[in-house]
């Protein structure tokens, strides 16, 4: 219980819970009668010298029993899953940086511990499993309440800051798991009454609202794809009126989303007609304008780099704001560029007269790092998509993705592919990924600034970089063989979780962090090896 509550709420307690589970497992396999007899055999003054060696022996004896029970033929699916940890051990053979390798192995310990814990322990019955999942939903719910409280009571510059326990992306994955859990409980097959089922539906709605207001694009995309896959699966399985209605909705949903996204693309790329040969040369104060007619960057259809009077703009801005024109805004972006983009989005000229037309609210938005009036007038979800498309436009124009999370991934994937090309078979090893990326960024003269030079941000590429093509084949077998052998791809909980994880791995190094690998190892072990019966709807 402690483990599943800790996952959304505390990284520290995740570790404590794993040690607790391991300790309980060891005690269960320990012969307490022999221990009591041993303690009763010796006087206290002797016990204080021999109790620690004895405890070490009992622990070792218990571990032998645990491993004997785990490493059996009937547990082959769990052994194959645990082999992901063994893969990282083998990667030490190709490693130079052992300090990082050992740190990585420590992070990956859940891949070793949790499959053993769930396999050798008594599996949960239906009631126990449902209770456990409800505690999980409650923990996720508490996390959303705390994050929402932070959002509305503190000065938040980046929405990611509201997720204070684990990364906002990992938290969005947990919300997706909670939504699928509640969806099953709301069907009535779990045996809950009408009132509780209505409450479950309300909670589903709340989780969806939270993901929108927190602008978790990754989480929403993962959730939608998972919903699509699960719906297709059960639509094909149950051919009735409801399944036909679901089929129509499934076919329409991508079209509606595409139309919505294309509308945003149009907003980003639209250009108001301007006669570059007939531009005013001076401001109302007589200052010469600077017009860069070769730069077609736009904001809200208005060209950014025409009608710019920098000196006049600096003086007018510094009279209205405590933020220096030549300094940084609250998001640590260069303020003058934020200001120029914002004024362009409002169709204002970048001069003193334009600054005078800015409202106090506009000034606050610029100080807060908002570079377009769009970011104030539209929904959070629209804004996030708009920014991603704008980032893509800028990346295509300049080739520099620095500071733009979506486009940085393109550079990460490109870099990963080049590293893989140099280490096809066995990869760079468990501990040398950071070294390999640093070297490759320099070799390719990457435009990424040093502070943005991260790793793959794609779990499949990350595994291939670390362990080569042999490693990625091993990884895929470890993912697919256990559920195939245990026939859990027909289990509602496992299938929904599996899809969520697979989709997240496309844009994230899902199991390269403590929280990510714990989520992956815990729920995989629980759904495959920790519950008695398959759950179907």
Protein backbone atom coordinates (compact mmCIF):
# COMPACT_ATOMS: atom_id res chain seq x y z
CA UNK A 1 0.00 0.00 0.00
CA UNK A 2 2.82 2.40 0.91
CA UNK A 3 4.44 1.80 -2.46
CA UNK A 4 1.45 2.65 -4.61
CA UNK A 5 0.68 5.79 -2.59
CA UNK A 6 4.31 6.91 -2.76
CA UNK A 7 4.61 6.70 -6.55
CA UNK A 8 2.64 9.92 -7.28
CA UNK A 9 3.59 11.74 -4.08
CA UNK A 10 7.18 11.11 -2.97
CA UNK A 11 10.39 9.97 -4.67
CA UNK A 12 11.96 9.40 -1.25
CA UNK A 13 9.09 7.21 -0.06
CA UNK A 14 9.29 5.22 -3.32
CA UNK A 15 12.75 4.07 -2.24
CA UNK A 16 11.63 3.50 1.35
CA UNK A 17 8.67 1.44 0.14
CA UNK A 18 10.88 -0.75 -2.06
CA UNK A 19 13.25 -1.45 0.82
CA UNK A 20 10.23 -2.18 3.03
CA UNK A 21 8.77 -4.61 0.49
CA UNK A 22 12.15 -6.31 0.15
CA UNK A 23 12.50 -6.57 3.92
CA UNK A 24 9.03 -8.05 4.36
CA UNK A 25 9.75 -10.58 1.60
CA UNK A 26 13.00 -11.63 3.27
CA UNK A 27 11.27 -12.00 6.65
CA UNK A 28 8.53 -14.14 5.08
CA UNK A 29 11.14 -16.62 3.87
CA UNK A 30 13.09 -16.56 7.11
CA UNK A 31 12.65 -19.37 9.65
CA UNK A 32 11.51 -17.40 12.69
CA UNK A 33 11.25 -20.56 14.83
CA UNK A 34 14.92 -21.32 14.26
CA UNK A 35 15.76 -17.70 15.03
CA UNK A 36 13.84 -17.84 18.32
CA UNK A 37 15.55 -21.10 19.28
CA UNK A 38 18.93 -19.62 18.43
CA UNK A 39 18.29 -16.51 20.54
CA UNK A 40 17.07 -18.61 23.47
CA UNK A 41 20.14 -20.81 23.34
CA UNK A 42 22.68 -18.14 24.34
CA UNK A 43 22.93 -15.62 27.18
CA UNK A 44 22.64 -11.91 26.35
CA UNK A 45 26.35 -11.10 26.73
CA UNK A 46 27.15 -13.66 24.02
CA UNK A 47 24.21 -12.72 21.78
CA UNK A 48 25.39 -9.13 21.40
CA UNK A 49 28.51 -10.49 19.64
CA UNK A 50 26.91 -13.16 17.45
CA UNK A 51 23.45 -11.75 16.61
CA UNK A 52 24.65 -9.63 13.67
CA UNK A 53 26.58 -12.49 11.95
CA UNK A 54 23.57 -14.73 12.61
CA UNK A 55 21.17 -12.17 11.09
CA UNK A 56 23.40 -11.91 8.02
CA UNK A 57 23.35 -15.70 7.69
CA UNK A 58 19.56 -15.86 8.06
CA UNK A 59 19.16 -13.11 5.48
CA UNK A 60 21.46 -14.96 3.08
CA UNK A 61 19.56 -18.20 3.70
CA UNK A 62 16.27 -16.40 3.05
CA UNK A 63 17.58 -14.89 -0.19
CA UNK A 64 18.65 -18.33 -1.37
CA UNK A 65 15.09 -19.58 -0.80
CA UNK A 66 13.65 -16.54 -2.60
CA UNK A 67 15.90 -16.99 -5.63
CA UNK A 68 15.20 -20.73 -5.73
CA UNK A 69 11.48 -19.99 -5.82
CA UNK A 70 11.85 -17.21 -8.39
CA UNK A 71 14.27 -18.80 -10.85
CA UNK A 72 12.00 -21.65 -11.88
CA UNK A 73 10.74 -22.63 -15.31
CA UNK A 74 7.16 -21.59 -14.58
CA UNK A 75 8.42 -18.08 -13.75
CA UNK A 76 10.11 -17.61 -17.13
CA UNK A 77 7.99 -14.51 -18.04
CA UNK A 78 9.10 -12.77 -14.84
CA UNK A 79 12.71 -13.85 -15.38
CA UNK A 80 12.64 -12.44 -18.92
CA UNK A 81 11.28 -9.14 -17.62
CA UNK A 82 13.93 -9.03 -14.88
CA UNK A 83 16.57 -9.59 -17.58
CA UNK A 84 16.26 -5.87 -18.39
CA UNK A 85 18.36 -5.30 -15.28
CA UNK A 86 20.79 -8.01 -16.38
CA UNK A 87 21.11 -6.19 -19.72
CA UNK A 88 22.35 -3.13 -17.83
CA UNK A 89 24.79 -5.32 -15.88
CA UNK A 90 26.21 -6.75 -19.11
CA UNK A 91 26.55 -3.19 -20.40
CA UNK A 92 29.30 -2.69 -17.80
CA UNK A 93 31.58 -4.70 -20.11
CA UNK A 94 31.58 -1.80 -22.59
CA UNK A 95 31.72 1.00 -20.03
CA UNK A 96 34.48 3.49 -19.22
CA UNK A 97 32.58 5.76 -16.81
CA UNK A 98 31.88 3.33 -13.96
CA UNK A 99 30.78 6.08 -11.58
CA UNK A 100 27.81 6.90 -13.80
CA UNK A 101 27.23 3.21 -14.59
CA UNK A 102 26.86 2.33 -10.90
CA UNK A 103 24.54 5.29 -10.39
CA UNK A 104 22.43 4.08 -13.33
CA UNK A 105 22.29 0.54 -11.93
CA UNK A 106 21.06 1.94 -8.62
CA UNK A 107 18.27 3.79 -10.44
CA UNK A 108 17.37 0.59 -12.33
CA UNK A 109 17.11 -1.56 -9.16
CA UNK A 110 13.27 -1.64 -9.34
CA UNK A 111 13.64 -3.76 -12.50
CA UNK A 112 15.36 -6.37 -10.33
CA UNK A 113 13.52 -6.05 -7.02
CA UNK A 114 9.86 -5.65 -7.98
CA UNK A 115 9.47 -8.64 -10.35
CA UNK A 116 10.88 -10.88 -7.62
CA UNK A 117 8.67 -9.36 -4.89
CA UNK A 118 5.46 -9.82 -6.87
CA UNK A 119 6.35 -13.26 -8.25
CA UNK A 120 7.32 -14.96 -4.98
CA UNK A 121 4.57 -13.27 -2.95
CA UNK A 122 0.97 -14.43 -2.81
CA UNK A 123 -0.95 -12.84 -5.71
CA UNK A 124 -3.71 -10.37 -4.89
CA UNK A 125 -7.30 -11.47 -5.21
CA UNK A 126 -9.86 -9.33 -7.01
CA UNK A 127 -10.94 -7.40 -3.93
CA UNK A 128 -7.38 -6.71 -2.78
CA UNK A 129 -6.37 -5.56 -6.24
CA UNK A 130 -9.32 -3.18 -6.54
CA UNK A 131 -8.58 -1.72 -3.11
CA UNK A 132 -4.95 -1.19 -4.06
CA UNK A 133 -5.91 0.61 -7.28
CA UNK A 134 -8.37 2.83 -5.42
CA UNK A 135 -5.60 3.89 -3.04
CA UNK A 136 -3.53 4.70 -6.11
CA UNK A 137 -6.34 6.82 -7.57
CA UNK A 138 -6.64 8.61 -4.24
CA UNK A 139 -2.92 9.39 -4.20
CA UNK A 140 -3.05 10.75 -7.76
CA UNK A 141 -6.13 12.80 -6.84
CA UNK A 142 -4.27 14.29 -3.87
CA UNK A 143 -1.39 15.16 -6.20
CA UNK A 144 -3.70 17.02 -8.59
CA UNK A 145 -5.29 18.97 -5.73
CA UNK A 146 -1.88 20.02 -4.39
CA UNK A 147 -0.67 21.01 -7.86
CA UNK A 148 -3.84 23.01 -8.53
CA UNK A 149 -3.47 24.78 -5.18
CA UNK A 150 0.10 25.73 -6.12
CA UNK A 151 -1.06 26.95 -9.54
CA UNK A 152 -3.62 29.35 -8.08
CA UNK A 153 -1.72 30.52 -5.01
CA UNK A 154 1.85 30.97 -6.25
CA UNK A 155 3.52 32.98 -8.98
CA UNK A 156 4.14 30.24 -11.53
CA UNK A 157 6.36 31.02 -14.52
CA UNK A 158 6.35 27.52 -16.03
CA UNK A 159 3.38 25.18 -15.58
CA UNK A 160 5.81 22.31 -15.04
CA UNK A 161 6.58 23.84 -11.64
CA UNK A 162 3.19 22.85 -10.23
CA UNK A 163 4.16 19.17 -10.21
CA UNK A 164 6.38 19.23 -7.13
CA UNK A 165 6.63 15.50 -6.37
CA UNK A 166 7.66 13.97 -9.71
CA UNK A 167 8.11 15.35 -13.22
CA UNK A 168 4.93 16.67 -14.81
CA UNK A 169 5.25 14.14 -17.65
CA UNK A 170 5.53 11.13 -15.30
CA UNK A 171 2.61 12.53 -13.32
CA UNK A 172 0.52 12.81 -16.48
CA UNK A 173 1.20 9.11 -17.16
CA UNK A 174 -0.05 8.26 -13.67
CA UNK A 175 -3.18 10.32 -14.31
CA UNK A 176 -3.76 8.33 -17.51
CA UNK A 177 -3.47 5.07 -15.56
CA UNK A 178 -5.89 6.45 -12.95
CA UNK A 179 -8.40 7.43 -15.67
CA UNK A 180 -8.40 3.90 -17.13
CA UNK A 181 -8.74 2.46 -13.63
CA UNK A 182 -11.77 4.64 -12.89
CA UNK A 183 -13.27 3.88 -16.30
CA UNK A 184 -13.29 0.18 -15.43
CA UNK A 185 -14.73 0.77 -11.97
CA UNK A 186 -17.43 3.01 -13.50
CA UNK A 187 -18.69 0.23 -15.80
CA UNK A 188 -20.27 -1.63 -12.93
CA UNK A 189 -18.29 -4.82 -13.47
CA UNK A 190 -16.25 -4.09 -10.37
CA UNK A 191 -19.43 -4.31 -8.29
CA UNK A 192 -19.66 -0.72 -7.08
CA UNK A 193 -23.00 0.99 -6.54
CA UNK A 194 -24.56 3.66 -8.74
CA UNK A 195 -23.47 6.55 -6.53
CA UNK A 196 -19.84 5.46 -6.49
CA UNK A 197 -19.86 4.91 -10.25
CA UNK A 198 -21.08 8.48 -10.73
CA UNK A 199 -18.28 9.67 -8.45
CA UNK A 200 -15.77 7.75 -10.58
CA UNK A 201 -17.07 9.55 -13.69
CA UNK A 202 -16.70 12.91 -11.95
CA UNK A 203 -13.11 12.03 -11.06
CA UNK A 204 -12.39 11.05 -14.67
CA UNK A 205 -13.68 14.47 -15.76
CA UNK A 206 -11.54 16.19 -13.13
CA UNK A 207 -8.39 14.35 -14.22
CA UNK A 208 -9.08 15.35 -17.83
CA UNK A 209 -9.61 18.98 -16.80
CA UNK A 210 -6.39 18.93 -14.79
CA UNK A 211 -4.39 17.66 -17.77
CA UNK A 212 -5.80 20.48 -19.90
CA UNK A 213 -5.17 23.29 -17.39
CA UNK A 214 -1.66 21.97 -16.75
CA UNK A 215 -1.03 21.97 -20.53
CA UNK A 216 0.29 18.42 -20.43
CA UNK A 217 0.44 17.83 -24.19
CA UNK A 218 2.49 14.65 -23.80
CA UNK A 219 0.01 13.29 -21.27
CA UNK A 220 -3.00 14.17 -23.40
CA UNK A 221 -1.47 12.63 -26.53
CA UNK A 222 -0.59 9.47 -24.60
CA UNK A 223 -4.09 9.33 -23.12
CA UNK A 224 -5.81 9.84 -26.46
CA UNK A 225 -3.74 7.20 -28.27
CA UNK A 226 -4.27 4.75 -25.42
CA UNK A 227 -8.03 5.42 -25.49
CA UNK A 228 -8.01 4.92 -29.25
CA UNK A 229 -6.14 1.59 -29.07
CA UNK A 230 -8.23 0.23 -26.19
CA UNK A 231 -11.46 1.33 -27.86
CA UNK A 232 -10.47 -0.31 -31.15
CA UNK A 233 -9.56 -3.49 -29.30
CA UNK A 234 -12.88 -3.77 -27.52
CA UNK A 235 -14.87 -2.54 -30.52
CA UNK A 236 -13.50 -5.43 -32.57
CA UNK A 237 -14.11 -7.79 -29.67
CA UNK A 238 -17.77 -6.85 -29.09
CA UNK A 239 -19.77 -6.28 -32.25
CA UNK A 240 -22.98 -4.56 -31.12
CA UNK A 241 -24.70 -1.18 -31.42
CA UNK A 242 -22.44 0.44 -28.85
CA UNK A 243 -19.33 -0.82 -30.63
CA UNK A 244 -20.59 0.62 -33.93
CA UNK A 245 -21.19 4.00 -32.28
CA UNK A 246 -17.71 3.81 -30.77
CA UNK A 247 -16.27 3.03 -34.21
CA UNK A 248 -17.86 6.15 -35.71
CA UNK A 249 -16.53 8.28 -32.84
CA UNK A 250 -13.07 6.76 -33.21
CA UNK A 251 -13.02 7.55 -36.92
CA UNK A 252 -14.23 11.11 -36.39
CA UNK A 253 -11.95 11.98 -33.47
CA UNK A 254 -8.67 12.10 -35.45
CA UNK A 255 -10.36 14.18 -38.15
CA UNK A 256 -11.65 16.69 -35.59
CA UNK A 257 -8.23 16.89 -33.94
CA UNK A 258 -6.54 17.35 -37.31
CA UNK A 259 -8.89 20.20 -38.22
CA UNK A 260 -8.18 21.85 -34.85
CA UNK A 261 -4.41 21.52 -35.30
CA UNK A 262 -4.56 22.79 -38.89
CA UNK A 263 -6.40 25.85 -37.61
CA UNK A 264 -3.51 26.55 -35.26
CA UNK A 265 -1.00 25.97 -38.07
CA UNK A 266 -2.87 28.55 -40.13
CA UNK A 267 -2.69 31.00 -37.21
CA UNK A 268 1.07 30.48 -36.89
CA UNK A 269 1.88 30.77 -40.58
CA UNK A 270 -0.56 33.47 -41.65
CA UNK A 271 1.00 36.68 -43.02
CA UNK A 272 -0.80 39.97 -43.40
CA UNK A 273 -0.12 41.65 -46.73
CA UNK A 274 2.50 44.39 -46.47
CA UNK A 275 4.05 46.46 -49.27
CA UNK A 276 7.73 46.36 -48.31
CA UNK A 277 8.48 49.10 -50.86
CA UNK A 278 6.19 51.56 -49.09
CA UNK A 279 7.19 51.29 -45.41
CA UNK A 280 7.38 54.42 -43.27
CA UNK A 281 10.97 55.39 -42.60
CA UNK A 282 10.57 57.33 -39.34
CA UNK A 283 8.64 57.13 -36.07
CA UNK A 284 6.39 59.95 -34.89
CA UNK A 285 9.41 61.24 -32.94
CA UNK A 286 11.61 61.24 -36.03
CA UNK A 287 13.64 58.13 -35.15
CA UNK A 288 14.65 55.97 -38.12
CA UNK A 289 12.94 52.59 -38.32
CA UNK A 290 14.89 49.42 -38.97
CA UNK A 291 13.15 47.08 -41.44
CA UNK A 292 14.47 43.55 -42.02
CA UNK A 293 12.36 42.51 -45.01
CA UNK A 294 14.36 39.31 -45.47
CA UNK A 295 13.17 37.92 -42.13
CA UNK A 296 9.62 36.65 -42.59
CA UNK A 297 9.00 35.73 -38.95
CA UNK A 298 5.44 36.64 -37.96
CA UNK A 299 3.34 36.86 -34.83
CA UNK A 300 -0.43 36.67 -35.27
CA UNK A 301 0.08 37.45 -38.97
CA UNK A 302 2.18 40.59 -38.35
CA UNK A 303 5.82 40.75 -39.47
CA UNK A 304 8.08 40.95 -36.42
CA UNK A 305 11.14 42.68 -37.84
CA UNK A 306 9.67 45.72 -39.54
CA UNK A 307 8.94 49.04 -37.84
CA UNK A 308 11.60 48.51 -35.17
CA UNK A 309 13.13 51.57 -33.47
CA UNK A 310 15.35 49.94 -30.85
CA UNK A 311 16.68 53.00 -29.00
CA UNK A 312 13.26 54.60 -28.79
CA UNK A 313 11.72 51.31 -27.72
CA UNK A 314 14.34 50.86 -24.99
CA UNK A 315 13.71 54.30 -23.52
CA UNK A 316 9.92 53.95 -23.59
CA UNK A 317 9.96 50.45 -22.09
CA UNK A 318 12.34 51.32 -19.26
CA UNK A 319 10.01 54.15 -18.27
CA UNK A 320 7.11 51.71 -17.83
CA UNK A 321 8.78 48.64 -16.39
CA UNK A 322 11.30 47.71 -13.72
CA UNK A 323 12.52 44.92 -16.01
CA UNK A 324 15.50 46.20 -18.00
CA UNK A 325 14.97 46.25 -21.77
CA UNK A 326 18.41 44.68 -22.26
CA UNK A 327 17.89 42.14 -19.47
CA UNK A 328 15.81 38.99 -19.05
CA UNK A 329 12.11 38.41 -18.46
CA UNK A 330 10.71 36.14 -15.73
CA UNK A 331 11.32 33.07 -17.90
CA UNK A 332 14.97 34.11 -18.33
CA UNK A 333 14.40 34.90 -21.99
CA UNK A 334 15.93 38.02 -23.56
CA UNK A 335 13.25 40.57 -22.75
CA UNK A 336 13.63 42.82 -25.79
CA UNK A 337 12.83 39.89 -28.09
CA UNK A 338 9.81 38.96 -25.98
CA UNK A 339 8.64 42.57 -26.17
CA UNK A 340 9.16 42.89 -29.93
CA UNK A 341 7.25 39.65 -30.58
CA UNK A 342 4.44 40.65 -28.22
CA UNK A 343 4.00 44.08 -29.78
CA UNK A 344 4.04 42.50 -33.23
CA UNK A 345 1.30 40.07 -32.19
CA UNK A 346 -0.87 43.09 -31.34
CA UNK A 347 -0.07 44.78 -34.64
CA UNK A 348 1.88 47.57 -32.92
CA UNK A 349 4.97 49.29 -34.20
CA UNK A 350 8.04 48.74 -32.06
CA UNK A 351 8.52 52.35 -31.00
CA UNK A 352 7.53 54.71 -28.18
CA UNK A 353 4.00 55.15 -29.52
CA UNK A 354 3.59 51.37 -29.57
CA UNK A 355 4.72 51.07 -25.94
CA UNK A 356 2.20 53.75 -24.95
CA UNK A 357 -0.58 51.60 -26.41
CA UNK A 358 0.37 48.65 -24.20
CA UNK A 359 -1.91 48.21 -21.19
CA UNK A 360 -0.59 47.50 -17.71
CA UNK A 361 -1.76 43.93 -18.23
CA UNK A 362 0.28 43.74 -21.45
CA UNK A 363 3.36 45.00 -19.60
CA UNK A 364 2.91 42.28 -16.98
CA UNK A 365 2.55 39.62 -19.67
CA UNK A 366 5.80 40.68 -21.35
CA UNK A 367 7.59 40.76 -17.99
CA UNK A 368 6.26 37.26 -17.38
CA UNK A 369 7.79 36.02 -20.64
CA UNK A 370 4.65 35.85 -22.79
CA UNK A 371 5.68 36.63 -26.36
CA UNK A 372 2.24 36.80 -27.97
CA UNK A 373 -1.18 38.18 -27.11
CA UNK A 374 -2.41 34.75 -28.19
CA UNK A 375 -0.96 33.33 -24.98
CA UNK A 376 -3.31 35.50 -22.94
CA UNK A 377 -6.49 35.24 -24.99
CA UNK A 378 -6.62 31.52 -25.77
CA UNK A 379 -6.94 28.30 -23.78
CA UNK A 380 -3.88 26.73 -22.20
CA UNK A 381 -4.20 23.73 -24.54
CA UNK A 382 -4.35 25.98 -27.62
CA UNK A 383 -1.35 27.96 -26.39
CA UNK A 384 0.79 24.84 -25.91
CA UNK A 385 0.01 23.55 -29.40
CA UNK A 386 0.57 27.03 -30.84
CA UNK A 387 4.00 27.18 -29.19
CA UNK A 388 4.98 23.75 -30.51
CA UNK A 389 4.03 24.70 -34.07
CA UNK A 390 5.78 28.06 -33.70
CA UNK A 391 8.87 26.24 -32.44
CA UNK A 392 8.78 24.01 -35.53
CA UNK A 393 8.54 27.08 -37.75
CA UNK A 394 11.54 28.67 -36.04
CA UNK A 395 13.56 25.45 -36.18
CA UNK A 396 12.98 25.14 -39.92
CA UNK A 397 13.94 28.79 -40.36
CA UNK A 398 17.04 28.97 -38.15
CA UNK A 399 18.10 25.36 -37.52
CA UNK A 400 18.51 26.14 -33.79
CA UNK A 401 16.08 24.35 -31.44
CA UNK A 402 17.61 25.67 -28.19
CA UNK A 403 14.99 26.37 -25.54
CA UNK A 404 12.19 24.75 -27.55
CA UNK A 405 11.45 21.39 -25.93
CA UNK A 406 9.57 19.84 -28.85
CA UNK A 407 12.19 20.73 -31.46
CA UNK A 408 15.08 19.84 -29.17
CA UNK A 409 13.85 16.26 -29.39
CA UNK A 410 14.50 16.30 -33.13
CA UNK A 411 18.12 17.21 -32.41
CA UNK A 412 18.33 14.54 -29.69
CA UNK A 413 17.01 11.88 -32.07
CA UNK A 414 19.40 12.98 -34.81
CA UNK A 415 22.32 12.80 -32.38
CA UNK A 416 21.20 9.39 -31.10
CA UNK A 417 21.05 8.01 -34.64
CA UNK A 418 24.61 9.15 -35.34
CA UNK A 419 25.88 7.52 -32.14
CA UNK A 420 24.06 4.29 -32.98
CA UNK A 421 25.71 4.32 -36.41
CA UNK A 422 29.11 4.22 -34.71
CA UNK A 423 28.19 1.52 -32.13
CA UNK A 424 25.70 -0.67 -33.96
CA UNK A 425 26.11 -4.03 -32.26
CA UNK A 426 26.71 -3.49 -28.53
CA UNK A 427 26.22 0.24 -28.01
CA UNK A 428 28.35 2.49 -25.82
CA UNK A 429 27.69 0.65 -22.56
CA UNK A 430 25.72 1.34 -19.39
CA UNK A 431 27.78 4.26 -18.13
CA UNK A 432 29.06 6.00 -21.24
CA UNK A 433 25.91 7.54 -22.70
CA UNK A 434 26.64 11.02 -21.37
CA UNK A 435 30.18 10.87 -22.74
CA UNK A 436 28.92 9.66 -26.12
CA UNK A 437 26.35 12.46 -26.41
CA UNK A 438 28.79 15.18 -25.35
CA UNK A 439 31.31 13.97 -27.92
CA UNK A 440 28.73 13.69 -30.71
CA UNK A 441 27.29 17.16 -30.10
CA UNK A 442 30.80 18.56 -30.54
CA UNK A 443 31.54 16.46 -33.64
CA UNK A 444 28.35 17.55 -35.40
CA UNK A 445 28.79 21.16 -34.27
CA UNK A 446 25.25 21.11 -32.90
CA UNK A 447 23.49 24.48 -32.66
CA UNK A 448 22.08 23.38 -29.31
CA UNK A 449 23.36 25.47 -26.42
CA UNK A 450 25.31 23.43 -23.81
CA UNK A 451 22.53 23.67 -21.21
CA UNK A 452 20.11 21.99 -23.65
CA UNK A 453 22.39 19.16 -24.77
CA UNK A 454 20.57 16.24 -23.24
CA UNK A 455 20.11 12.58 -24.16
CA UNK A 456 17.73 10.72 -26.47
CA UNK A 457 14.30 11.59 -25.07
CA UNK A 458 13.18 8.34 -26.71
CA UNK A 459 13.45 5.14 -24.71
CA UNK A 460 13.94 2.90 -27.74
CA UNK A 461 16.77 5.09 -29.06
CA UNK A 462 18.23 5.32 -25.55
CA UNK A 463 18.41 1.53 -25.24
CA UNK A 464 19.94 1.24 -28.72
CA UNK A 465 22.56 3.89 -27.93
CA UNK A 466 23.46 2.09 -24.71
CA UNK A 467 23.33 -1.54 -25.86
CA UNK A 468 23.21 -1.56 -29.66
CA UNK A 469 20.89 -3.55 -31.88
CA UNK A 470 21.36 -6.61 -29.68
CA UNK A 471 20.18 -4.55 -26.73
CA UNK A 472 17.06 -3.18 -28.42
CA UNK A 473 16.06 -6.69 -29.56
CA UNK A 474 16.56 -7.91 -25.99
CA UNK A 475 14.54 -4.95 -24.70
CA UNK A 476 11.61 -5.65 -27.04
CA UNK A 477 11.59 -9.35 -26.13
CA UNK A 478 11.54 -8.43 -22.42
CA UNK A 479 8.56 -6.16 -23.08
CA UNK A 480 6.52 -8.48 -25.29
CA UNK A 481 7.27 -12.07 -24.23
CA UNK A 482 5.99 -11.86 -20.60
CA UNK A 483 2.46 -10.60 -21.46
CA UNK A 484 2.23 -12.96 -24.44
CA UNK A 485 3.24 -15.96 -22.33
CA UNK A 486 0.93 -14.99 -19.45
CA UNK A 487 -1.84 -14.01 -21.91
CA UNK A 488 -2.19 -10.62 -20.27
CA UNK A 489 -2.58 -8.62 -23.46
CA UNK A 490 -6.26 -9.44 -23.00
CA UNK A 491 -6.18 -7.99 -19.48
CA UNK A 492 -7.78 -4.53 -19.44
CA UNK A 493 -5.43 -3.06 -16.85
CA UNK A 494 -2.25 -4.41 -18.38
CA UNK A 495 -3.19 -3.56 -21.96
CA UNK A 496 -4.05 0.05 -21.12
CA UNK A 497 -0.86 0.41 -19.06
CA UNK A 498 1.27 -1.17 -21.80
CA UNK A 499 -0.06 1.22 -24.44
CA UNK A 500 0.51 4.22 -22.14
CA UNK A 501 4.12 3.16 -21.56
CA UNK A 502 4.87 2.40 -25.21
CA UNK A 503 3.53 5.74 -26.42
CA UNK A 504 5.38 7.64 -23.70
CA UNK A 505 8.63 5.94 -24.68
CA UNK A 506 8.48 7.55 -28.12
CA UNK A 507 9.06 11.05 -26.73
CA UNK A 508 10.59 10.32 -23.31
CA UNK A 509 13.39 8.32 -21.68
CA UNK A 510 10.64 6.79 -19.56
CA UNK A 511 12.75 4.36 -17.54
CA UNK A 512 15.90 6.46 -17.20
CA UNK A 513 14.73 8.20 -14.01
CA UNK A 514 13.88 6.82 -10.57
CA UNK A 515 10.21 7.74 -10.87
CA UNK A 516 9.90 6.48 -14.43
CA UNK A 517 11.56 3.11 -13.89
CA UNK A 518 9.62 2.59 -10.63
CA UNK A 519 6.29 3.27 -12.36
CA UNK A 520 7.24 0.91 -15.19
CA UNK A 521 8.57 -1.92 -13.00
CA UNK A 522 5.85 -1.68 -10.34
CA UNK A 523 2.79 -1.70 -12.58
CA UNK A 524 4.24 -4.25 -15.00
CA UNK A 525 5.02 -6.58 -12.10
CA UNK A 526 1.64 -5.94 -10.46
CA UNK A 527 -0.47 -6.47 -13.59
CA UNK A 528 1.53 -9.45 -14.92
CA UNK A 529 2.61 -11.32 -11.80
CA UNK A 530 0.88 -9.75 -8.80
CA UNK A 531 -2.83 -10.44 -9.33
CA UNK A 532 -4.68 -13.69 -9.71
CA UNK A 533 -7.24 -13.06 -12.40
CA UNK A 534 -7.30 -11.29 -15.73
CA UNK A 535 -9.63 -8.30 -15.93
CA UNK A 536 -11.77 -8.03 -19.04
CA UNK A 537 -14.67 -5.81 -20.06
